């Protein structure tokens, strides 16, 4: 959003929710100090965001822990993209983050939040009316819902832990997908 306004608002949110262990964010390279301070005062978690860059993500995690935030209070947001442009790069960054954690890099072992709802609904493919998109794209509402569900499923499979979604039908689709993944193979 707006870094100066975010810092002010998140300070107030941190104070109002003191002791509730909420996730404050997003903390980025330029504003992590004020967000981390608000989190420490209220005993909250910090969502650290990097611009789809694994090196910046790791550096931000180091800087947040150096401020005194416990590692179990950090959540990563690698700024995932919706389906289409950028999803492969987002997928790759999340995979590399998970691989780093698996080989013992403690600064890469934090949970990853996926902002599937906001990212999916920003894509033209999810919101363009059928008159603009053409009949091959189908009706806007089911197309948008599917776009969100597929964005969430793709990024969840790349190593995401927590998914933020908007449309209840997309949530149901993702739940069904997860249930299907958890079924034992019966070949």
N, C-alpha and C. Protein backbone atom coordinates (compact mmCIF):
# COMPACT_ATOMS: atom_id res chain seq x y z
N UNK A 1 0.78 -1.18 0.00
CA UNK A 1 0.00 0.00 0.00
C UNK A 1 0.83 1.26 0.00
N UNK A 2 0.73 1.97 1.09
CA UNK A 2 1.39 3.26 1.26
C UNK A 2 2.27 3.15 2.50
N UNK A 3 3.60 3.05 2.33
CA UNK A 3 4.50 2.76 3.46
C UNK A 3 4.32 3.66 4.68
N UNK A 4 4.22 4.97 4.49
CA UNK A 4 4.08 5.86 5.65
C UNK A 4 2.77 5.61 6.38
N UNK A 5 1.70 5.49 5.62
CA UNK A 5 0.39 5.24 6.23
C UNK A 5 0.36 3.84 6.85
N UNK A 6 0.95 2.86 6.16
CA UNK A 6 1.00 1.49 6.69
C UNK A 6 1.69 1.46 8.04
N UNK A 7 2.83 2.15 8.14
CA UNK A 7 3.57 2.16 9.40
C UNK A 7 2.71 2.70 10.54
N UNK A 8 2.01 3.79 10.27
CA UNK A 8 1.16 4.42 11.28
C UNK A 8 -0.01 3.51 11.66
N UNK A 9 -0.68 2.98 10.66
CA UNK A 9 -1.85 2.13 10.91
C UNK A 9 -1.43 0.83 11.61
N UNK A 10 -0.35 0.21 11.16
CA UNK A 10 0.06 -1.06 11.75
C UNK A 10 0.55 -0.89 13.18
N UNK A 11 1.11 0.27 13.52
CA UNK A 11 1.47 0.54 14.92
C UNK A 11 0.20 0.51 15.78
N UNK A 12 -0.85 1.20 15.30
CA UNK A 12 -2.11 1.25 16.04
C UNK A 12 -2.77 -0.13 16.12
N UNK A 13 -2.72 -0.88 15.02
CA UNK A 13 -3.29 -2.23 15.01
C UNK A 13 -2.55 -3.12 16.00
N UNK A 14 -1.22 -3.03 16.00
CA UNK A 14 -0.41 -3.82 16.92
C UNK A 14 -0.75 -3.53 18.37
N UNK A 15 -0.95 -2.26 18.69
CA UNK A 15 -1.31 -1.87 20.06
C UNK A 15 -2.72 -2.37 20.41
N UNK A 16 -3.66 -2.17 19.50
CA UNK A 16 -5.05 -2.56 19.77
C UNK A 16 -5.20 -4.07 19.94
N UNK A 17 -4.38 -4.84 19.25
CA UNK A 17 -4.48 -6.31 19.29
C UNK A 17 -3.40 -6.93 20.17
N UNK A 18 -2.83 -6.16 21.08
CA UNK A 18 -1.74 -6.65 21.93
C UNK A 18 -2.11 -7.99 22.57
N UNK A 19 -1.20 -8.95 22.46
CA UNK A 19 -1.39 -10.26 23.05
C UNK A 19 -2.20 -11.23 22.22
N UNK A 20 -2.73 -10.81 21.10
CA UNK A 20 -3.58 -11.66 20.26
C UNK A 20 -2.79 -12.51 19.27
N UNK A 21 -1.50 -12.25 19.12
CA UNK A 21 -0.63 -13.00 18.21
C UNK A 21 -1.13 -12.95 16.76
N UNK A 22 -1.41 -11.74 16.28
CA UNK A 22 -1.83 -11.57 14.89
C UNK A 22 -0.58 -11.47 14.01
N UNK A 23 -0.77 -11.50 12.72
CA UNK A 23 0.34 -11.34 11.76
C UNK A 23 0.29 -9.91 11.23
N UNK A 24 1.31 -9.12 11.54
CA UNK A 24 1.39 -7.73 11.08
C UNK A 24 2.22 -7.67 9.81
N UNK A 25 1.73 -6.93 8.86
CA UNK A 25 2.53 -6.76 7.65
C UNK A 25 1.74 -6.03 6.59
N UNK A 26 2.52 -5.70 5.63
CA UNK A 26 3.74 -6.38 5.26
C UNK A 26 4.94 -5.50 5.59
N UNK A 27 5.99 -6.19 6.08
CA UNK A 27 7.25 -5.53 6.36
C UNK A 27 8.17 -5.73 5.17
N UNK A 28 8.65 -4.63 4.63
CA UNK A 28 9.56 -4.68 3.49
C UNK A 28 10.89 -4.07 3.88
N UNK A 29 11.82 -4.11 2.95
CA UNK A 29 13.17 -3.63 3.22
C UNK A 29 13.20 -2.21 3.78
N UNK A 30 12.30 -1.36 3.33
CA UNK A 30 12.32 0.04 3.74
C UNK A 30 11.51 0.34 5.00
N UNK A 31 10.63 -0.55 5.43
CA UNK A 31 9.80 -0.24 6.60
C UNK A 31 9.79 -1.33 7.66
N UNK A 32 10.67 -2.31 7.56
CA UNK A 32 10.60 -3.45 8.46
C UNK A 32 10.83 -3.06 9.92
N UNK A 33 11.60 -2.01 10.16
CA UNK A 33 11.91 -1.64 11.55
C UNK A 33 10.64 -1.27 12.33
N UNK A 34 9.81 -0.41 11.76
CA UNK A 34 8.61 0.02 12.48
C UNK A 34 7.61 -1.13 12.63
N UNK A 35 7.49 -1.97 11.60
CA UNK A 35 6.56 -3.11 11.67
C UNK A 35 7.07 -4.11 12.71
N UNK A 36 8.36 -4.39 12.71
CA UNK A 36 8.93 -5.33 13.68
C UNK A 36 8.78 -4.79 15.10
N UNK A 37 8.97 -3.49 15.29
CA UNK A 37 8.81 -2.89 16.62
C UNK A 37 7.37 -3.04 17.10
N UNK A 38 6.41 -2.78 16.21
CA UNK A 38 5.00 -2.94 16.58
C UNK A 38 4.69 -4.39 16.92
N UNK A 39 5.27 -5.31 16.18
CA UNK A 39 5.05 -6.73 16.44
C UNK A 39 5.63 -7.14 17.79
N UNK A 40 6.83 -6.67 18.08
CA UNK A 40 7.46 -7.03 19.36
C UNK A 40 6.66 -6.50 20.54
N UNK A 41 6.18 -5.27 20.43
CA UNK A 41 5.43 -4.67 21.54
C UNK A 41 4.13 -5.41 21.80
N UNK A 42 3.48 -5.89 20.74
CA UNK A 42 2.20 -6.58 20.91
C UNK A 42 2.31 -8.09 20.92
N UNK A 43 3.54 -8.62 20.84
CA UNK A 43 3.77 -10.07 20.79
C UNK A 43 3.08 -10.70 19.58
N UNK A 44 3.30 -10.09 18.41
CA UNK A 44 2.70 -10.53 17.16
C UNK A 44 3.73 -11.15 16.23
N UNK A 45 3.25 -11.71 15.14
CA UNK A 45 4.10 -12.20 14.06
C UNK A 45 4.31 -11.07 13.05
N UNK A 46 5.35 -11.22 12.23
CA UNK A 46 5.66 -10.25 11.18
C UNK A 46 5.60 -10.97 9.84
N UNK A 47 4.90 -10.36 8.88
CA UNK A 47 4.91 -10.87 7.51
C UNK A 47 5.96 -10.07 6.75
N UNK A 48 7.04 -10.73 6.37
CA UNK A 48 8.11 -10.08 5.61
C UNK A 48 7.92 -10.31 4.12
N UNK A 49 7.93 -9.23 3.34
CA UNK A 49 7.69 -9.33 1.90
C UNK A 49 8.94 -8.91 1.12
N UNK A 50 9.24 -9.72 0.11
CA UNK A 50 10.33 -9.38 -0.81
C UNK A 50 9.79 -9.42 -2.23
N UNK A 51 10.37 -8.64 -3.13
CA UNK A 51 9.86 -8.57 -4.51
C UNK A 51 10.30 -9.74 -5.38
N UNK A 52 9.81 -10.93 -5.10
CA UNK A 52 10.12 -12.14 -5.86
C UNK A 52 11.63 -12.28 -6.06
N UNK A 53 12.36 -12.14 -4.95
CA UNK A 53 13.82 -12.21 -4.98
C UNK A 53 14.28 -12.96 -3.74
N UNK A 54 14.85 -14.14 -3.93
CA UNK A 54 15.22 -14.99 -2.80
C UNK A 54 16.32 -14.36 -1.94
N UNK A 55 17.23 -13.62 -2.55
CA UNK A 55 18.31 -12.98 -1.78
C UNK A 55 17.77 -11.88 -0.88
N UNK A 56 16.86 -11.07 -1.41
CA UNK A 56 16.25 -10.01 -0.58
C UNK A 56 15.40 -10.64 0.52
N UNK A 57 14.70 -11.72 0.21
CA UNK A 57 13.89 -12.42 1.21
C UNK A 57 14.76 -12.88 2.37
N UNK A 58 15.86 -13.51 2.06
CA UNK A 58 16.76 -14.00 3.11
C UNK A 58 17.34 -12.84 3.91
N UNK A 59 17.77 -11.78 3.23
CA UNK A 59 18.33 -10.62 3.92
C UNK A 59 17.29 -9.98 4.84
N UNK A 60 16.06 -9.87 4.37
CA UNK A 60 14.99 -9.30 5.18
C UNK A 60 14.75 -10.15 6.42
N UNK A 61 14.74 -11.46 6.26
CA UNK A 61 14.58 -12.36 7.41
C UNK A 61 15.69 -12.15 8.43
N UNK A 62 16.91 -12.01 7.95
CA UNK A 62 18.05 -11.76 8.85
C UNK A 62 17.86 -10.44 9.59
N UNK A 63 17.49 -9.38 8.86
CA UNK A 63 17.32 -8.06 9.49
C UNK A 63 16.19 -8.08 10.52
N UNK A 64 15.11 -8.79 10.22
CA UNK A 64 13.99 -8.86 11.17
C UNK A 64 14.40 -9.61 12.43
N UNK A 65 15.13 -10.72 12.28
CA UNK A 65 15.57 -11.46 13.47
C UNK A 65 16.60 -10.66 14.26
N UNK A 66 17.44 -9.88 13.58
CA UNK A 66 18.42 -9.04 14.29
C UNK A 66 17.74 -7.97 15.13
N UNK A 67 16.52 -7.61 14.78
CA UNK A 67 15.76 -6.64 15.58
C UNK A 67 15.19 -7.27 16.84
N UNK A 68 15.24 -8.59 16.93
CA UNK A 68 14.75 -9.26 18.13
C UNK A 68 13.48 -10.06 17.93
N UNK A 69 13.00 -10.14 16.70
CA UNK A 69 11.81 -10.97 16.43
C UNK A 69 12.25 -12.43 16.42
N UNK A 70 11.56 -13.26 17.18
CA UNK A 70 11.88 -14.69 17.22
C UNK A 70 11.59 -15.33 15.86
N UNK A 71 12.42 -16.28 15.45
CA UNK A 71 12.18 -16.94 14.15
C UNK A 71 10.79 -17.55 14.01
N UNK A 72 10.20 -18.01 15.11
CA UNK A 72 8.86 -18.60 15.01
C UNK A 72 7.76 -17.54 14.90
N UNK A 73 8.15 -16.29 14.78
CA UNK A 73 7.20 -15.18 14.62
C UNK A 73 7.32 -14.52 13.25
N UNK A 74 7.98 -15.18 12.30
CA UNK A 74 8.17 -14.62 10.97
C UNK A 74 7.43 -15.46 9.94
N UNK A 75 6.73 -14.77 9.05
CA UNK A 75 6.04 -15.40 7.92
C UNK A 75 6.56 -14.72 6.66
N UNK A 76 6.90 -15.49 5.65
CA UNK A 76 7.40 -14.93 4.39
C UNK A 76 6.29 -14.70 3.38
N UNK A 77 6.37 -13.57 2.69
CA UNK A 77 5.51 -13.29 1.54
C UNK A 77 6.44 -12.96 0.38
N UNK A 78 6.72 -13.95 -0.49
CA UNK A 78 7.63 -13.69 -1.61
C UNK A 78 6.97 -12.98 -2.78
N UNK A 79 5.83 -12.33 -2.56
CA UNK A 79 5.09 -11.59 -3.59
C UNK A 79 4.76 -12.47 -4.78
N UNK A 80 3.95 -13.46 -4.55
CA UNK A 80 3.57 -14.37 -5.62
C UNK A 80 2.71 -13.67 -6.65
N UNK A 81 2.72 -14.22 -7.85
CA UNK A 81 1.90 -13.71 -8.95
C UNK A 81 0.71 -14.62 -9.15
N UNK A 82 -0.30 -14.09 -9.82
CA UNK A 82 -1.43 -14.92 -10.19
C UNK A 82 -1.06 -15.77 -11.40
N UNK A 83 -1.95 -16.67 -11.80
CA UNK A 83 -1.72 -17.46 -13.00
C UNK A 83 -1.37 -16.54 -14.15
N UNK A 84 -0.59 -17.05 -15.06
CA UNK A 84 -0.20 -16.23 -16.21
C UNK A 84 1.19 -15.66 -15.99
N UNK A 85 1.37 -14.43 -16.37
CA UNK A 85 2.68 -13.79 -16.27
C UNK A 85 3.22 -13.86 -14.85
N UNK A 86 4.38 -14.40 -14.69
CA UNK A 86 5.04 -14.39 -13.40
C UNK A 86 4.83 -15.60 -12.52
N UNK A 87 3.85 -16.44 -12.79
CA UNK A 87 3.58 -17.56 -11.89
C UNK A 87 4.75 -18.53 -11.86
N UNK A 88 5.39 -18.75 -13.00
CA UNK A 88 6.52 -19.68 -13.03
C UNK A 88 7.68 -19.17 -12.19
N UNK A 89 7.92 -17.87 -12.26
CA UNK A 89 9.01 -17.29 -11.46
C UNK A 89 8.65 -17.35 -9.98
N UNK A 90 7.41 -17.03 -9.63
CA UNK A 90 6.96 -17.13 -8.24
C UNK A 90 7.12 -18.56 -7.73
N UNK A 91 6.70 -19.51 -8.56
CA UNK A 91 6.79 -20.93 -8.22
C UNK A 91 8.25 -21.30 -7.95
N UNK A 92 9.14 -20.84 -8.83
CA UNK A 92 10.56 -21.13 -8.71
C UNK A 92 11.15 -20.55 -7.42
N UNK A 93 10.80 -19.32 -7.09
CA UNK A 93 11.30 -18.68 -5.87
C UNK A 93 10.82 -19.45 -4.64
N UNK A 94 9.56 -19.86 -4.64
CA UNK A 94 9.04 -20.59 -3.49
C UNK A 94 9.70 -21.96 -3.36
N UNK A 95 9.92 -22.62 -4.49
CA UNK A 95 10.63 -23.91 -4.46
C UNK A 95 12.04 -23.73 -3.92
N UNK A 96 12.74 -22.71 -4.39
CA UNK A 96 14.11 -22.47 -3.93
C UNK A 96 14.15 -22.14 -2.44
N UNK A 97 13.13 -21.43 -1.97
CA UNK A 97 13.04 -21.14 -0.54
C UNK A 97 12.88 -22.43 0.25
N UNK A 98 12.02 -23.31 -0.22
CA UNK A 98 11.81 -24.60 0.45
C UNK A 98 13.08 -25.46 0.40
N UNK A 99 13.75 -25.49 -0.74
CA UNK A 99 14.99 -26.26 -0.85
C UNK A 99 16.02 -25.73 0.14
N UNK A 100 16.11 -24.41 0.25
CA UNK A 100 17.03 -23.81 1.22
C UNK A 100 16.74 -24.29 2.63
N UNK A 101 15.47 -24.32 2.99
CA UNK A 101 15.08 -24.80 4.32
C UNK A 101 15.44 -26.27 4.50
N UNK A 102 15.20 -27.07 3.47
CA UNK A 102 15.48 -28.51 3.56
C UNK A 102 16.97 -28.82 3.70
N UNK A 103 17.82 -27.95 3.18
CA UNK A 103 19.27 -28.21 3.33
C UNK A 103 19.84 -27.51 4.56
N UNK A 104 18.96 -26.95 5.40
CA UNK A 104 19.39 -26.44 6.69
C UNK A 104 19.53 -24.94 6.83
N UNK A 105 19.12 -24.15 5.85
CA UNK A 105 19.20 -22.70 5.97
C UNK A 105 18.04 -22.20 6.83
N UNK A 106 18.35 -21.84 8.06
CA UNK A 106 17.32 -21.43 9.02
C UNK A 106 16.58 -20.16 8.60
N UNK A 107 17.22 -19.31 7.83
CA UNK A 107 16.58 -18.06 7.38
C UNK A 107 15.62 -18.28 6.21
N UNK A 108 15.54 -19.51 5.73
CA UNK A 108 14.61 -19.84 4.65
C UNK A 108 13.51 -20.78 5.13
N UNK A 109 13.49 -21.07 6.43
CA UNK A 109 12.58 -22.10 6.94
C UNK A 109 11.27 -21.57 7.51
N UNK A 110 10.94 -20.33 7.23
CA UNK A 110 9.72 -19.75 7.77
C UNK A 110 8.52 -20.09 6.90
N UNK A 111 7.32 -20.09 7.48
CA UNK A 111 6.12 -20.35 6.67
C UNK A 111 5.98 -19.31 5.55
N UNK A 112 5.34 -19.73 4.47
CA UNK A 112 5.12 -18.85 3.32
C UNK A 112 3.63 -18.59 3.18
N UNK A 113 3.27 -17.31 3.09
CA UNK A 113 1.88 -16.92 2.85
C UNK A 113 1.70 -16.65 1.36
N UNK A 114 0.58 -17.11 0.84
CA UNK A 114 0.23 -16.93 -0.58
C UNK A 114 -0.98 -16.00 -0.64
N UNK A 115 -0.85 -14.90 -1.32
CA UNK A 115 -1.95 -13.95 -1.47
C UNK A 115 -2.69 -14.25 -2.77
N UNK A 116 -3.26 -15.44 -2.84
CA UNK A 116 -3.90 -15.91 -4.08
C UNK A 116 -5.09 -15.04 -4.47
N UNK A 117 -5.92 -14.68 -3.52
CA UNK A 117 -7.10 -13.88 -3.83
C UNK A 117 -6.75 -12.54 -4.46
N UNK A 118 -5.99 -11.71 -3.75
CA UNK A 118 -5.65 -10.40 -4.33
C UNK A 118 -4.91 -10.50 -5.66
N UNK A 119 -3.99 -11.44 -5.77
CA UNK A 119 -3.20 -11.56 -7.01
C UNK A 119 -4.05 -12.06 -8.17
N UNK A 120 -4.87 -13.06 -7.93
CA UNK A 120 -5.68 -13.63 -9.01
C UNK A 120 -6.69 -12.63 -9.56
N UNK A 121 -7.33 -11.89 -8.68
CA UNK A 121 -8.38 -10.97 -9.13
C UNK A 121 -7.82 -9.69 -9.73
N UNK A 122 -6.49 -9.49 -9.67
CA UNK A 122 -5.87 -8.35 -10.37
C UNK A 122 -5.61 -8.68 -11.83
N UNK A 123 -5.59 -9.94 -12.17
CA UNK A 123 -5.31 -10.36 -13.55
C UNK A 123 -6.51 -10.08 -14.45
N UNK A 124 -6.24 -9.54 -15.62
CA UNK A 124 -7.30 -9.21 -16.57
C UNK A 124 -8.17 -10.43 -16.87
N UNK A 125 -7.56 -11.59 -16.92
CA UNK A 125 -8.29 -12.81 -17.25
C UNK A 125 -9.39 -13.12 -16.25
N UNK A 126 -9.24 -12.67 -15.01
CA UNK A 126 -10.25 -12.98 -13.99
C UNK A 126 -11.39 -11.98 -13.94
N UNK A 127 -11.16 -10.76 -14.38
CA UNK A 127 -12.21 -9.75 -14.23
C UNK A 127 -12.76 -9.18 -15.54
N UNK A 128 -12.13 -9.46 -16.67
CA UNK A 128 -12.59 -8.88 -17.94
C UNK A 128 -13.98 -9.40 -18.28
N UNK A 129 -14.90 -8.50 -18.64
CA UNK A 129 -16.23 -8.95 -19.04
C UNK A 129 -16.16 -9.74 -20.34
N UNK A 130 -17.11 -10.60 -20.56
CA UNK A 130 -17.10 -11.48 -21.73
C UNK A 130 -17.08 -10.67 -23.03
N UNK A 131 -17.68 -9.48 -23.02
CA UNK A 131 -17.69 -8.63 -24.21
C UNK A 131 -16.26 -8.21 -24.59
N UNK A 132 -15.44 -8.00 -23.59
CA UNK A 132 -14.05 -7.60 -23.83
C UNK A 132 -13.15 -8.81 -24.08
N UNK A 133 -13.39 -9.88 -23.33
CA UNK A 133 -12.52 -11.05 -23.40
C UNK A 133 -12.82 -11.93 -24.61
N UNK A 134 -14.04 -11.96 -25.03
CA UNK A 134 -14.42 -12.84 -26.12
C UNK A 134 -15.09 -14.09 -25.59
N UNK A 135 -15.91 -14.74 -26.42
CA UNK A 135 -16.68 -15.90 -25.94
C UNK A 135 -15.82 -17.10 -25.56
N UNK A 136 -14.61 -17.20 -26.10
CA UNK A 136 -13.75 -18.33 -25.78
C UNK A 136 -13.32 -18.36 -24.32
N UNK A 137 -13.37 -17.22 -23.67
CA UNK A 137 -12.96 -17.15 -22.26
C UNK A 137 -14.06 -17.57 -21.31
N UNK A 138 -15.29 -17.58 -21.76
CA UNK A 138 -16.40 -17.94 -20.89
C UNK A 138 -16.85 -16.79 -20.01
N UNK A 139 -17.86 -17.06 -19.22
CA UNK A 139 -18.43 -16.03 -18.33
C UNK A 139 -17.41 -15.58 -17.30
N UNK A 140 -17.49 -14.32 -16.92
CA UNK A 140 -16.50 -13.72 -16.02
C UNK A 140 -16.49 -14.36 -14.64
N UNK A 141 -17.63 -14.54 -13.99
CA UNK A 141 -17.64 -15.02 -12.61
C UNK A 141 -17.00 -16.40 -12.46
N UNK A 142 -17.44 -17.43 -13.19
CA UNK A 142 -16.79 -18.74 -13.01
C UNK A 142 -15.32 -18.71 -13.43
N UNK A 143 -14.99 -17.91 -14.43
CA UNK A 143 -13.60 -17.79 -14.87
C UNK A 143 -12.73 -17.19 -13.76
N UNK A 144 -13.22 -16.14 -13.12
CA UNK A 144 -12.48 -15.51 -12.03
C UNK A 144 -12.29 -16.44 -10.84
N UNK A 145 -13.35 -17.15 -10.50
CA UNK A 145 -13.29 -18.10 -9.38
C UNK A 145 -12.27 -19.20 -9.68
N UNK A 146 -12.31 -19.74 -10.89
CA UNK A 146 -11.36 -20.78 -11.28
C UNK A 146 -9.93 -20.22 -11.28
N UNK A 147 -9.77 -18.98 -11.75
CA UNK A 147 -8.44 -18.36 -11.79
C UNK A 147 -7.85 -18.27 -10.39
N UNK A 148 -8.68 -17.88 -9.42
CA UNK A 148 -8.21 -17.79 -8.04
C UNK A 148 -7.88 -19.17 -7.48
N UNK A 149 -8.75 -20.14 -7.70
CA UNK A 149 -8.52 -21.50 -7.18
C UNK A 149 -7.26 -22.11 -7.77
N UNK A 150 -7.05 -21.93 -9.07
CA UNK A 150 -5.86 -22.50 -9.72
C UNK A 150 -4.58 -21.79 -9.29
N UNK A 151 -4.66 -20.47 -9.08
CA UNK A 151 -3.50 -19.74 -8.56
C UNK A 151 -3.13 -20.30 -7.19
N UNK A 152 -4.12 -20.45 -6.32
CA UNK A 152 -3.87 -20.96 -4.97
C UNK A 152 -3.31 -22.38 -5.00
N UNK A 153 -3.90 -23.25 -5.82
CA UNK A 153 -3.44 -24.64 -5.89
C UNK A 153 -2.00 -24.72 -6.40
N UNK A 154 -1.69 -23.95 -7.43
CA UNK A 154 -0.34 -23.97 -7.98
C UNK A 154 0.69 -23.53 -6.95
N UNK A 155 0.42 -22.42 -6.27
CA UNK A 155 1.40 -21.89 -5.33
C UNK A 155 1.45 -22.69 -4.04
N UNK A 156 0.34 -23.31 -3.66
CA UNK A 156 0.36 -24.18 -2.49
C UNK A 156 1.27 -25.38 -2.76
N UNK A 157 1.21 -25.91 -3.96
CA UNK A 157 2.05 -27.06 -4.32
C UNK A 157 3.52 -26.67 -4.47
N UNK A 158 3.81 -25.39 -4.60
CA UNK A 158 5.21 -24.98 -4.71
C UNK A 158 5.85 -24.77 -3.34
N UNK A 159 5.07 -24.90 -2.27
CA UNK A 159 5.65 -24.78 -0.94
C UNK A 159 4.95 -23.80 -0.03
N UNK A 160 3.84 -23.24 -0.45
CA UNK A 160 3.10 -22.30 0.40
C UNK A 160 2.48 -23.01 1.60
N UNK A 161 2.29 -22.26 2.67
CA UNK A 161 1.73 -22.81 3.90
C UNK A 161 0.38 -22.22 4.26
N UNK A 162 0.20 -20.97 3.96
CA UNK A 162 -1.00 -20.23 4.35
C UNK A 162 -1.52 -19.52 3.11
N UNK A 163 -2.81 -19.66 2.83
CA UNK A 163 -3.38 -19.10 1.60
C UNK A 163 -4.44 -18.07 1.97
N UNK A 164 -4.30 -16.87 1.41
CA UNK A 164 -5.30 -15.83 1.57
C UNK A 164 -6.14 -15.79 0.30
N UNK A 165 -7.44 -16.05 0.46
CA UNK A 165 -8.33 -16.11 -0.70
C UNK A 165 -9.50 -15.17 -0.50
N UNK A 166 -10.22 -14.88 -1.60
CA UNK A 166 -11.34 -13.95 -1.54
C UNK A 166 -12.69 -14.62 -1.76
N UNK A 167 -12.81 -15.43 -2.78
CA UNK A 167 -14.13 -15.95 -3.15
C UNK A 167 -14.39 -17.30 -2.48
N UNK A 168 -15.54 -17.45 -1.79
CA UNK A 168 -15.85 -18.70 -1.09
C UNK A 168 -15.87 -19.93 -2.01
N UNK A 169 -16.32 -19.76 -3.25
CA UNK A 169 -16.34 -20.90 -4.16
C UNK A 169 -14.92 -21.33 -4.54
N UNK A 170 -14.01 -20.38 -4.65
CA UNK A 170 -12.61 -20.71 -4.92
C UNK A 170 -12.02 -21.46 -3.73
N UNK A 171 -12.40 -21.05 -2.52
CA UNK A 171 -11.93 -21.74 -1.31
C UNK A 171 -12.41 -23.18 -1.33
N UNK A 172 -13.67 -23.41 -1.68
CA UNK A 172 -14.20 -24.77 -1.74
C UNK A 172 -13.47 -25.61 -2.79
N UNK A 173 -13.17 -25.01 -3.93
CA UNK A 173 -12.41 -25.74 -4.96
C UNK A 173 -11.03 -26.13 -4.45
N UNK A 174 -10.37 -25.21 -3.74
CA UNK A 174 -9.05 -25.51 -3.21
C UNK A 174 -9.13 -26.61 -2.15
N UNK A 175 -10.13 -26.54 -1.28
CA UNK A 175 -10.30 -27.59 -0.27
C UNK A 175 -10.48 -28.96 -0.92
N UNK A 176 -11.29 -29.02 -1.97
CA UNK A 176 -11.50 -30.29 -2.68
C UNK A 176 -10.19 -30.77 -3.29
N UNK A 177 -9.43 -29.85 -3.86
CA UNK A 177 -8.14 -30.21 -4.45
C UNK A 177 -7.20 -30.79 -3.39
N UNK A 178 -7.15 -30.15 -2.23
CA UNK A 178 -6.30 -30.64 -1.14
C UNK A 178 -6.77 -32.01 -0.68
N UNK A 179 -8.08 -32.19 -0.52
CA UNK A 179 -8.63 -33.50 -0.13
C UNK A 179 -8.23 -34.57 -1.14
N UNK A 180 -8.32 -34.24 -2.44
CA UNK A 180 -7.94 -35.20 -3.48
C UNK A 180 -6.46 -35.54 -3.40
N UNK A 181 -5.63 -34.56 -3.09
CA UNK A 181 -4.19 -34.82 -2.97
C UNK A 181 -3.88 -35.72 -1.78
N UNK A 182 -4.71 -35.68 -0.75
CA UNK A 182 -4.45 -36.45 0.46
C UNK A 182 -4.96 -37.89 0.38
N UNK A 183 -5.70 -38.22 -0.65
CA UNK A 183 -6.20 -39.59 -0.80
C UNK A 183 -5.03 -40.51 -1.17
N UNK A 184 -5.03 -41.71 -0.60
CA UNK A 184 -3.96 -42.65 -0.97
C UNK A 184 -4.12 -43.10 -2.42
N UNK A 185 -3.01 -43.35 -3.05
CA UNK A 185 -3.05 -43.87 -4.43
C UNK A 185 -3.56 -45.30 -4.42
N UNK A 186 -4.46 -45.61 -5.32
CA UNK A 186 -5.00 -46.97 -5.40
C UNK A 186 -4.83 -47.49 -6.81
N UNK A 187 -3.60 -47.61 -7.24
CA UNK A 187 -3.32 -48.09 -8.60
C UNK A 187 -3.26 -49.59 -8.62
